[in-house]
Amino acid sequence: MDERAAPRVGLVSLGCPKALVDSERIMTQLRAEGYELSKTYQGADVVIVNTCGFLDSAKAESLQAIGEAMAENGKVVVTGCMGAQPELIRDKFPDVLAITGPQKYESVVDAVHKAAPPKHDPYFDLVPPQGLKLTPRHYAYLKISEGCNNRCSFCIIPQLRGDLVSRSAGDVLREAEKLVKAGVKELLVISQDTSAYGVDLKYAESQWQDRQVRAKFFDLCRELGSLGAWVRLHYVYPYPHVDEAISLMADGKILPYLDIPLQHASPDVLRAMKRPAHQEKTLERIRRWREICPDITIRSTFIAGFPGETDADAAFMLDWLEEAQLDRVGCFTYEPVTGAPANDLAAPVPEELKRERQARFMEVQAEISARKLEAKVGKRLDVIIDEADAEGGAEGRTKGDAPEIDGTVQIGGGRVLTPGEIVTVEIEDADEHDLYGVPV
């Protein structure tokens, strides 16, 4: 056996992009200490399972992943949101090596050290300046804050991850700059509440390059837009100051794309959710955004069957959707979350009725999406390539499509393309989800 063989770490990363960033940070630290990443349980000296604990179904998936890692390897460190409820894990798996909560990077690394001590060699163990990424090399998630100050009745994220803690603008921008220099073409800005960025810092200034930059939503977007990469905004609540960023989209500084977690439209349901209940102001704001930036793509998610939701509430949401004409929409049936106040607000909606309302909602949205995509036929659009084959086939995304959650552009035409390449594509056809075209 090679005396210098490095210890190997397996990784299972579950949940949202914010958790994926946590996994990237952990692996970057371990790689800097000489560890290698194992793609199999059998090849790992220790396995890290980064869990999701937001929904009960996510907890079940996390427990299943822990069980699989224990069965296949036996030396397991558990972290992530479900780590905030260690008793649920210890009850089923008393022999896990360690359990840490979300963002507890040092505790995870310490647990790995104990299970498989590092064998660092500075002549061989190199980490790129931008750190290790678990996404394709041409795009990366950029997390600008942790936690959340909102207290939505269906959510336990503040219990798991705490209140809002923003990174300084200089810190975020230095990370973004390193990513772009390393070849990243698209930055996906994420947090629990992106438009609340900097509130906890009182928008304090910090140094970046030759200037001071405020920790404020607009200022951060403006500076990110100067780096030469696509900048895509996720999890943006429609606060009034978001309007300022639309001008950056109109000027081509950042992508004309907003991911807004609206969740519902009925005022009664929104109040029960403890979310802003002024859906008419949201409609006004969307109209105004489209006046400033006609090409803007707006995506959102909604919940069907929230406790106490009536037929009238569900019908109101459909009418609102028809008026809003959102571009990309997902709808999920309400799932009780242990510890969430929403569970006790009203009688639960029957499962069958939840699914009926969800299906009807998605039927309406499919019609809207089909019309909007049909209108793109004949246009030439910039497309970033995600996958390509040697025969000239490729799959990519427009400026209006985020990876994993939105539609794609299926590309033919015989020209061999490269992942990360941004090409102009003439759109020849469309369906309710995707576009089809050839490179110009």
Protein backbone atom coordinates (compact mmCIF):
# COMPACT_ATOMS: atom_id res chain seq x y z
CA MET A 1 0.00 0.00 0.00
CA ASP A 2 1.19 3.54 -0.79
CA GLU A 3 2.52 5.04 2.47
CA ARG A 4 1.29 8.44 1.33
CA ALA A 5 -2.24 7.27 0.45
CA ALA A 6 -4.70 9.96 1.47
CA PRO A 7 -7.80 9.15 3.53
CA ARG A 8 -10.96 9.16 1.44
CA VAL A 9 -14.30 10.77 2.31
CA GLY A 10 -17.67 9.83 0.86
CA LEU A 11 -20.38 12.46 0.63
CA VAL A 12 -24.17 12.32 0.33
CA SER A 13 -25.66 15.81 -0.04
CA LEU A 14 -29.44 16.13 0.23
CA GLY A 15 -31.83 19.08 0.12
CA CYS A 16 -31.64 22.53 -1.40
CA PRO A 17 -28.83 24.41 -3.16
CA LYS A 18 -28.02 26.14 0.14
CA ALA A 19 -27.17 22.75 1.62
CA LEU A 20 -25.08 21.95 -1.46
CA VAL A 21 -22.99 25.06 -0.78
CA ASP A 22 -22.45 23.80 2.78
CA SER A 23 -21.23 20.48 1.33
CA GLU A 24 -18.86 22.34 -1.00
CA ARG A 25 -17.36 24.26 1.91
CA ILE A 26 -16.82 21.10 3.94
CA MET A 27 -15.19 19.27 1.03
CA THR A 28 -13.02 22.28 0.17
CA GLN A 29 -11.65 22.30 3.73
CA LEU A 30 -11.07 18.55 3.77
CA ARG A 31 -9.43 18.59 0.34
CA ALA A 32 -7.11 21.36 1.53
CA GLU A 33 -6.06 19.01 4.33
CA GLY A 34 -5.20 16.23 1.92
CA TYR A 35 -8.40 14.17 1.88
CA GLU A 36 -9.72 12.70 -1.34
CA LEU A 37 -13.36 12.35 -2.38
CA SER A 38 -14.63 8.78 -2.74
CA LYS A 39 -17.42 8.02 -5.20
CA THR A 40 -18.33 4.77 -3.45
CA TYR A 41 -19.16 3.78 0.10
CA GLN A 42 -16.69 0.92 -0.02
CA GLY A 43 -13.83 3.19 -1.03
CA ALA A 44 -14.40 5.70 1.78
CA ASP A 45 -12.75 5.79 5.19
CA VAL A 46 -15.68 7.85 6.47
CA VAL A 47 -18.98 9.05 4.95
CA ILE A 48 -20.62 12.46 5.50
CA VAL A 49 -24.40 12.65 5.07
CA ASN A 50 -25.63 16.24 4.73
CA THR A 51 -29.32 15.98 5.60
CA CYS A 52 -32.48 17.94 4.88
CA GLY A 53 -35.00 18.38 7.69
CA PHE A 54 -37.53 20.81 6.26
CA LEU A 55 -40.34 18.37 5.46
CA ASP A 56 -41.19 15.06 7.10
CA SER A 57 -40.68 13.35 3.74
CA ALA A 58 -37.22 14.95 3.53
CA LYS A 59 -36.43 13.63 7.02
CA ALA A 60 -37.47 10.16 5.90
CA GLU A 61 -35.18 10.45 2.87
CA SER A 62 -32.34 11.60 5.11
CA LEU A 63 -32.83 8.70 7.52
CA GLN A 64 -32.85 6.31 4.56
CA ALA A 65 -29.57 7.80 3.30
CA ILE A 66 -28.00 7.49 6.75
CA GLY A 67 -29.15 3.88 6.97
CA GLU A 68 -27.68 3.08 3.57
CA ALA A 69 -24.36 4.70 4.50
CA MET A 70 -24.28 2.80 7.81
CA ALA A 71 -25.03 -0.50 6.06
CA GLU A 72 -22.51 0.03 3.25
CA ASN A 73 -19.72 1.70 5.23
CA GLY A 74 -20.47 1.96 8.96
CA LYS A 75 -18.42 5.09 9.70
CA VAL A 76 -20.86 7.96 9.24
CA VAL A 77 -20.89 11.65 10.22
CA VAL A 78 -24.29 13.35 9.97
CA THR A 79 -24.71 17.09 9.41
CA GLY A 80 -27.26 19.51 7.93
CA CYS A 81 -30.72 20.64 8.93
CA MET A 82 -31.81 17.35 10.44
CA GLY A 83 -28.74 17.52 12.68
CA ALA A 84 -30.64 20.14 14.67
CA GLN A 85 -32.83 17.26 15.90
CA PRO A 86 -30.14 14.69 16.82
CA GLU A 87 -32.49 12.54 18.89
CA LEU A 88 -34.37 11.51 15.73
CA ILE A 89 -31.11 10.21 14.28
CA ARG A 90 -29.69 8.62 17.45
CA ASP A 91 -32.93 6.71 18.04
CA LYS A 92 -32.53 4.87 14.75
CA PHE A 93 -28.74 4.91 14.37
CA PRO A 94 -27.03 5.07 17.77
CA ASP A 95 -23.65 4.19 16.25
CA VAL A 96 -23.19 7.20 13.95
CA LEU A 97 -19.84 8.82 14.71
CA ALA A 98 -21.13 12.38 15.14
CA ILE A 99 -24.17 14.57 14.52
CA THR A 100 -23.81 18.29 13.84
CA GLY A 101 -26.33 20.95 12.87
CA PRO A 102 -26.37 23.09 9.71
CA GLN A 103 -23.40 25.36 9.05
CA LYS A 104 -21.30 23.57 11.68
CA TYR A 105 -18.40 23.10 9.29
CA GLU A 106 -15.71 22.91 11.96
CA SER A 107 -17.57 20.19 13.88
CA VAL A 108 -17.91 18.09 10.73
CA VAL A 109 -14.21 18.45 9.92
CA ASP A 110 -13.26 17.58 13.53
CA ALA A 111 -15.40 14.43 13.38
CA VAL A 112 -13.72 13.39 10.11
CA HIS A 113 -10.29 14.02 11.68
CA LYS A 114 -11.14 11.60 14.51
CA ALA A 115 -12.44 8.92 12.16
CA ALA A 116 -9.69 9.20 9.56
CA PRO A 117 -6.74 11.44 10.51
CA PRO A 118 -5.41 13.56 7.63
CA LYS A 119 -2.14 12.87 5.83
CA HIS A 120 -1.48 16.27 4.37
CA ASP A 121 1.40 16.72 1.95
CA PRO A 122 1.75 20.31 0.65
CA TYR A 123 3.71 19.13 -2.39
CA PHE A 124 0.80 17.06 -3.67
CA ASP A 125 -2.43 18.26 -2.02
CA LEU A 126 -3.63 21.26 -3.98
CA VAL A 127 -6.98 23.03 -3.84
CA PRO A 128 -8.01 25.51 -6.54
CA PRO A 129 -8.44 29.11 -5.26
CA GLN A 130 -12.20 29.01 -5.80
CA GLY A 131 -12.57 25.87 -3.68
CA LEU A 132 -14.21 22.60 -4.72
CA LYS A 133 -17.61 22.67 -6.42
CA LEU A 134 -20.18 19.91 -6.66
CA THR A 135 -21.94 21.57 -9.61
CA PRO A 136 -20.70 21.50 -13.23
CA ARG A 137 -17.71 23.83 -13.59
CA HIS A 138 -19.61 26.42 -15.65
CA TYR A 139 -22.11 27.41 -12.94
CA ALA A 140 -21.97 27.79 -9.17
CA TYR A 141 -24.26 28.66 -6.30
CA LEU A 142 -23.25 31.81 -4.41
CA LYS A 143 -24.73 31.86 -0.90
CA ILE A 144 -24.91 35.41 0.47
CA SER A 145 -26.44 34.77 3.90
CA GLU A 146 -27.53 32.12 6.38
CA GLY A 147 -30.78 31.85 8.31
CA CYS A 148 -33.99 33.86 8.04
CA ASN A 149 -35.88 36.54 10.02
CA ASN A 150 -39.29 35.53 8.67
CA ARG A 151 -41.62 33.39 10.75
CA CYS A 152 -43.81 31.72 8.15
CA SER A 153 -46.22 29.35 9.88
CA PHE A 154 -45.35 26.38 7.64
CA CYS A 155 -41.57 26.70 7.97
CA ILE A 156 -39.05 25.69 10.64
CA ILE A 157 -35.93 26.98 8.89
CA PRO A 158 -35.29 29.66 11.57
CA GLN A 159 -35.39 26.89 14.19
CA LEU A 160 -32.89 24.87 12.18
CA ARG A 161 -30.61 27.59 10.80
CA GLY A 162 -31.27 30.60 13.02
CA ASP A 163 -31.96 34.23 12.17
CA LEU A 164 -30.52 36.08 9.18
CA VAL A 165 -26.72 36.35 9.15
CA SER A 166 -25.44 38.12 6.03
CA ARG A 167 -21.93 37.86 4.65
CA SER A 168 -20.12 41.14 4.02
CA ALA A 169 -20.35 42.42 0.45
CA GLY A 170 -16.58 42.23 0.07
CA ASP A 171 -16.54 38.58 1.15
CA VAL A 172 -19.29 37.63 -1.32
CA LEU A 173 -17.70 39.55 -4.18
CA ARG A 174 -14.24 38.05 -3.61
CA GLU A 175 -15.72 34.56 -3.78
CA ALA A 176 -17.65 35.47 -6.94
CA GLU A 177 -14.53 36.94 -8.52
CA LYS A 178 -12.55 33.74 -7.85
CA LEU A 179 -15.32 31.63 -9.35
CA VAL A 180 -15.46 33.70 -12.54
CA LYS A 181 -11.68 33.63 -12.90
CA ALA A 182 -11.85 29.83 -12.60
CA GLY A 183 -14.25 29.59 -15.54
CA VAL A 184 -17.70 29.85 -13.96
CA LYS A 185 -20.09 31.44 -16.48
CA GLU A 186 -23.21 31.63 -14.30
CA LEU A 187 -23.58 32.66 -10.65
CA LEU A 188 -26.79 31.56 -8.93
CA VAL A 189 -27.35 33.85 -5.96
CA ILE A 190 -29.09 32.04 -3.09
CA SER A 191 -30.09 32.44 0.56
CA GLN A 192 -33.27 31.89 2.57
CA ASP A 193 -34.39 35.48 1.85
CA THR A 194 -32.14 37.06 -0.77
CA SER A 195 -33.86 40.46 -0.81
CA ALA A 196 -33.33 40.84 2.96
CA TYR A 197 -29.57 40.69 2.42
CA GLY A 198 -27.65 43.05 4.69
CA VAL A 199 -30.48 44.04 7.02
CA ASP A 200 -28.68 42.48 9.99
CA LEU A 201 -25.46 44.32 9.06
CA LYS A 202 -27.32 47.64 8.80
CA TYR A 203 -26.02 47.64 5.20
CA ALA A 204 -22.44 48.19 6.38
CA GLU A 205 -19.76 48.93 3.81
CA SER A 206 -16.79 46.65 3.21
CA GLN A 207 -13.77 46.81 0.95
CA TRP A 208 -13.76 45.20 -2.48
CA GLN A 209 -11.08 45.99 -5.04
CA ASP A 210 -10.59 49.78 -4.87
CA ARG A 211 -13.92 50.76 -3.32
CA GLN A 212 -16.35 50.35 -0.45
CA VAL A 213 -19.53 48.40 -1.21
CA ARG A 214 -22.65 48.41 0.96
CA ALA A 215 -24.17 45.09 2.07
CA LYS A 216 -27.38 45.94 0.28
CA PHE A 217 -29.38 43.97 -2.28
CA PHE A 218 -29.07 46.50 -5.11
CA ASP A 219 -25.39 47.28 -4.48
CA LEU A 220 -24.45 43.61 -4.40
CA CYS A 221 -26.37 42.90 -7.62
CA ARG A 222 -24.71 45.85 -9.35
CA GLU A 223 -21.21 44.72 -8.43
CA LEU A 224 -21.88 41.08 -9.29
CA GLY A 225 -23.11 42.30 -12.67
CA SER A 226 -19.69 43.81 -13.36
CA LEU A 227 -17.89 40.45 -13.31
CA GLY A 228 -18.88 39.32 -16.81
CA ALA A 229 -20.89 36.23 -15.80
CA TRP A 230 -24.60 35.54 -15.87
CA VAL A 231 -26.05 36.48 -12.47
CA ARG A 232 -29.33 34.77 -11.53
CA LEU A 233 -31.36 35.72 -8.44
CA HIS A 234 -33.18 33.08 -6.38
CA TYR A 235 -35.53 33.22 -3.37
CA VAL A 236 -36.29 36.93 -3.74
CA TYR A 237 -39.26 38.17 -1.70
CA PRO A 238 -41.10 40.97 -3.55
CA TYR A 239 -40.17 43.81 -1.20
CA PRO A 240 -40.43 47.33 -2.72
CA HIS A 241 -36.65 47.78 -2.96
CA VAL A 242 -36.45 44.81 -5.35
CA ASP A 243 -37.80 47.20 -8.00
CA GLU A 244 -34.37 48.88 -8.09
CA ALA A 245 -32.70 45.72 -9.38
CA ILE A 246 -35.02 45.45 -12.39
CA SER A 247 -33.18 48.36 -14.02
CA LEU A 248 -29.98 46.28 -13.83
CA MET A 249 -31.81 43.54 -15.72
CA ALA A 250 -33.05 45.97 -18.35
CA ASP A 251 -29.47 47.21 -18.81
CA GLY A 252 -28.13 43.65 -19.21
CA LYS A 253 -26.08 43.77 -16.00
CA ILE A 254 -27.78 40.77 -14.42
CA LEU A 255 -30.11 38.16 -15.90
CA PRO A 256 -33.75 39.21 -16.40
CA TYR A 257 -34.92 36.51 -14.02
CA LEU A 258 -36.54 36.50 -10.58
CA ASP A 259 -37.34 33.45 -8.47
CA ILE A 260 -40.03 34.62 -6.02
CA PRO A 261 -41.48 32.14 -3.48
CA LEU A 262 -45.06 33.48 -3.42
CA GLN A 263 -46.63 30.26 -2.01
CA HIS A 264 -50.26 31.42 -2.42
CA ALA A 265 -52.47 34.29 -3.59
CA SER A 266 -55.56 34.14 -1.36
CA PRO A 267 -55.32 36.90 1.29
CA ASP A 268 -56.79 34.60 3.95
CA VAL A 269 -54.30 31.83 3.27
CA LEU A 270 -51.38 34.27 3.08
CA ARG A 271 -52.33 35.68 6.47
CA ALA A 272 -52.50 32.15 7.90
CA MET A 273 -49.06 31.51 6.39
CA LYS A 274 -47.81 34.76 8.03
CA ARG A 275 -46.72 36.10 4.66
CA PRO A 276 -47.53 39.45 3.05
CA ALA A 277 -51.23 39.26 2.13
CA HIS A 278 -51.33 42.12 -0.39
CA GLN A 279 -51.47 40.03 -3.54
CA GLU A 280 -52.83 43.01 -5.51
CA LYS A 281 -49.61 44.91 -4.75
CA THR A 282 -47.62 41.94 -6.00
CA LEU A 283 -49.58 42.06 -9.28
CA GLU A 284 -48.86 45.79 -9.56
CA ARG A 285 -45.20 45.15 -8.91
CA ILE A 286 -45.04 42.40 -11.57
CA ARG A 287 -46.69 44.75 -14.11
CA ARG A 288 -44.17 47.43 -13.26
CA TRP A 289 -41.25 45.01 -13.60
CA ARG A 290 -42.46 44.01 -17.05
CA GLU A 291 -42.73 47.64 -18.08
CA ILE A 292 -39.12 48.25 -17.06
CA CYS A 293 -37.79 44.95 -18.42
CA PRO A 294 -40.16 43.29 -20.93
CA ASP A 295 -37.92 40.20 -21.21
CA ILE A 296 -38.04 39.38 -17.50
CA THR A 297 -38.80 35.76 -16.56
CA ILE A 298 -40.65 35.31 -13.26
CA ARG A 299 -40.77 31.92 -11.58
CA SER A 300 -42.46 30.97 -8.33
CA THR A 301 -43.68 28.13 -6.17
CA PHE A 302 -47.11 27.63 -4.62
CA ILE A 303 -48.65 25.33 -2.01
CA ALA A 304 -51.97 23.57 -2.61
CA GLY A 305 -54.04 22.35 0.32
CA PHE A 306 -52.69 24.53 3.11
CA PRO A 307 -54.63 23.85 6.36
CA GLY A 308 -57.96 25.64 6.17
CA GLU A 309 -57.70 26.35 2.42
CA THR A 310 -61.23 26.50 0.99
CA ASP A 311 -62.54 25.91 -2.53
CA ALA A 312 -62.82 29.69 -2.80
CA ASP A 313 -59.15 30.13 -1.81
CA ALA A 314 -58.09 27.58 -4.43
CA ALA A 315 -60.23 29.28 -7.10
CA PHE A 316 -58.78 32.66 -6.12
CA MET A 317 -55.26 31.33 -6.65
CA LEU A 318 -56.18 30.08 -10.14
CA ASP A 319 -57.69 33.44 -11.07
CA TRP A 320 -54.61 35.21 -9.74
CA LEU A 321 -52.35 32.93 -11.76
CA GLU A 322 -54.29 33.70 -14.94
CA GLU A 323 -53.82 37.40 -14.29
CA ALA A 324 -50.17 37.22 -13.25
CA GLN A 325 -49.11 35.05 -16.23
CA LEU A 326 -45.97 33.84 -14.50
CA ASP A 327 -43.39 32.19 -16.73
CA ARG A 328 -42.23 29.25 -14.60
CA VAL A 329 -44.24 27.81 -11.72
CA GLY A 330 -44.12 24.81 -9.43
CA CYS A 331 -46.94 23.70 -7.14
CA PHE A 332 -46.61 21.32 -4.20
CA THR A 333 -49.21 19.82 -1.93
CA TYR A 334 -48.97 20.93 1.68
CA GLU A 335 -47.02 18.54 3.85
CA PRO A 336 -47.04 18.87 7.65
CA VAL A 337 -43.70 19.80 9.15
CA THR A 338 -43.07 18.66 12.70
CA GLY A 339 -42.88 21.75 14.88
CA ALA A 340 -44.51 24.11 12.36
CA PRO A 341 -47.44 26.22 13.73
CA ALA A 342 -49.40 25.68 10.49
CA ASN A 343 -50.22 22.12 11.51
CA ASP A 344 -52.54 23.40 14.25
CA LEU A 345 -54.18 26.31 12.44
CA ALA A 346 -57.13 24.45 10.94
CA ALA A 347 -58.35 21.05 9.88
CA PRO A 348 -56.09 19.48 7.24
CA VAL A 349 -57.29 19.38 3.66
CA PRO A 350 -57.90 15.76 2.54
CA GLU A 351 -55.01 14.33 0.52
CA GLU A 352 -57.15 13.58 -2.52
CA LEU A 353 -58.44 17.15 -2.58
CA LYS A 354 -54.91 18.53 -2.24
CA ARG A 355 -53.82 16.52 -5.27
CA GLU A 356 -56.90 17.62 -7.27
CA ARG A 357 -56.13 21.27 -6.56
CA GLN A 358 -52.48 20.80 -7.38
CA ALA A 359 -53.30 19.09 -10.69
CA ARG A 360 -55.76 21.81 -11.70
CA PHE A 361 -53.23 24.50 -10.82
CA MET A 362 -50.55 22.85 -12.95
CA GLU A 363 -53.00 22.42 -15.86
CA VAL A 364 -53.61 26.17 -15.87
CA GLN A 365 -49.90 26.91 -15.62
CA ALA A 366 -49.07 24.44 -18.40
CA GLU A 367 -51.35 26.38 -20.74
CA ILE A 368 -49.71 29.66 -19.75
CA SER A 369 -46.22 28.20 -20.15
CA ALA A 370 -47.04 26.69 -23.56
CA ARG A 371 -48.27 30.08 -24.86
CA LYS A 372 -45.22 31.90 -23.54
CA LEU A 373 -42.77 29.40 -25.02
CA GLU A 374 -44.61 29.32 -28.35
CA ALA A 375 -44.02 33.07 -28.57
CA LYS A 376 -40.28 32.41 -28.57
CA VAL A 377 -40.40 30.31 -31.75
CA GLY A 378 -38.54 32.13 -34.51
CA LYS A 379 -36.43 34.16 -32.07
CA ARG A 380 -32.70 33.93 -31.54
CA LEU A 381 -31.77 33.44 -27.88
CA ASP A 382 -28.54 33.18 -25.94
CA VAL A 383 -28.20 29.67 -24.51
CA ILE A 384 -25.66 28.29 -22.03
CA ILE A 385 -24.74 24.68 -22.81
CA ASP A 386 -25.07 22.17 -19.96
CA GLU A 387 -24.54 18.89 -21.83
CA ALA A 388 -23.25 18.02 -25.30
CA ASP A 389 -22.38 14.94 -27.33
CA ALA A 390 -19.92 14.28 -30.12
CA GLU A 391 -22.70 14.09 -32.74
CA GLY A 392 -23.73 17.72 -32.32
CA GLY A 393 -26.65 17.23 -29.97
CA ALA A 394 -26.74 19.42 -26.88
CA GLU A 395 -28.93 20.61 -24.03
CA GLY A 396 -28.81 24.12 -22.66
CA ARG A 397 -30.75 26.88 -20.97
CA THR A 398 -31.85 30.38 -21.87
CA LYS A 399 -31.43 33.37 -19.57
CA GLY A 400 -34.93 32.54 -18.37
CA ASP A 401 -34.12 29.02 -17.16
CA ALA A 402 -32.31 28.01 -13.98
CA PRO A 403 -30.58 24.62 -13.80
CA GLU A 404 -32.55 21.66 -12.45
CA ILE A 405 -35.83 23.55 -11.89
CA ASP A 406 -36.78 25.20 -15.19
CA GLY A 407 -36.99 24.18 -18.84
CA THR A 408 -34.25 23.39 -21.30
CA VAL A 409 -33.32 24.08 -24.91
CA GLN A 410 -32.77 20.91 -26.93
CA ILE A 411 -30.26 21.69 -29.66
CA GLY A 412 -29.56 19.88 -32.92
CA GLY A 413 -27.86 20.92 -36.11
CA GLY A 414 -24.60 18.99 -36.15
CA ARG A 415 -22.32 21.62 -34.64
CA VAL A 416 -20.29 20.20 -31.74
CA LEU A 417 -20.74 22.36 -28.64
CA THR A 418 -19.00 22.43 -25.26
CA PRO A 419 -20.57 22.59 -21.77
CA GLY A 420 -20.25 26.15 -20.48
CA GLU A 421 -20.27 27.65 -23.96
CA ILE A 422 -22.83 30.40 -24.54
CA VAL A 423 -24.24 30.26 -28.08
CA THR A 424 -26.99 31.92 -30.06
CA VAL A 425 -29.77 29.47 -30.88
CA GLU A 426 -32.63 29.96 -33.31
CA ILE A 427 -35.77 28.51 -31.74
CA GLU A 428 -37.72 26.28 -34.13
CA ASP A 429 -40.28 24.61 -31.85
CA ALA A 430 -41.65 24.58 -28.31
CA ASP A 431 -43.85 22.59 -25.95
CA GLU A 432 -45.17 23.47 -22.50
CA HIS A 433 -41.77 23.02 -20.85
CA ASP A 434 -38.91 23.13 -23.33
CA LEU A 435 -37.62 24.81 -26.47
CA TYR A 436 -36.01 23.24 -29.56
CA GLY A 437 -33.59 24.89 -31.94
CA VAL A 438 -30.32 25.01 -33.84
CA PRO A 439 -27.17 27.10 -33.23
CA VAL A 440 -26.77 30.09 -35.49
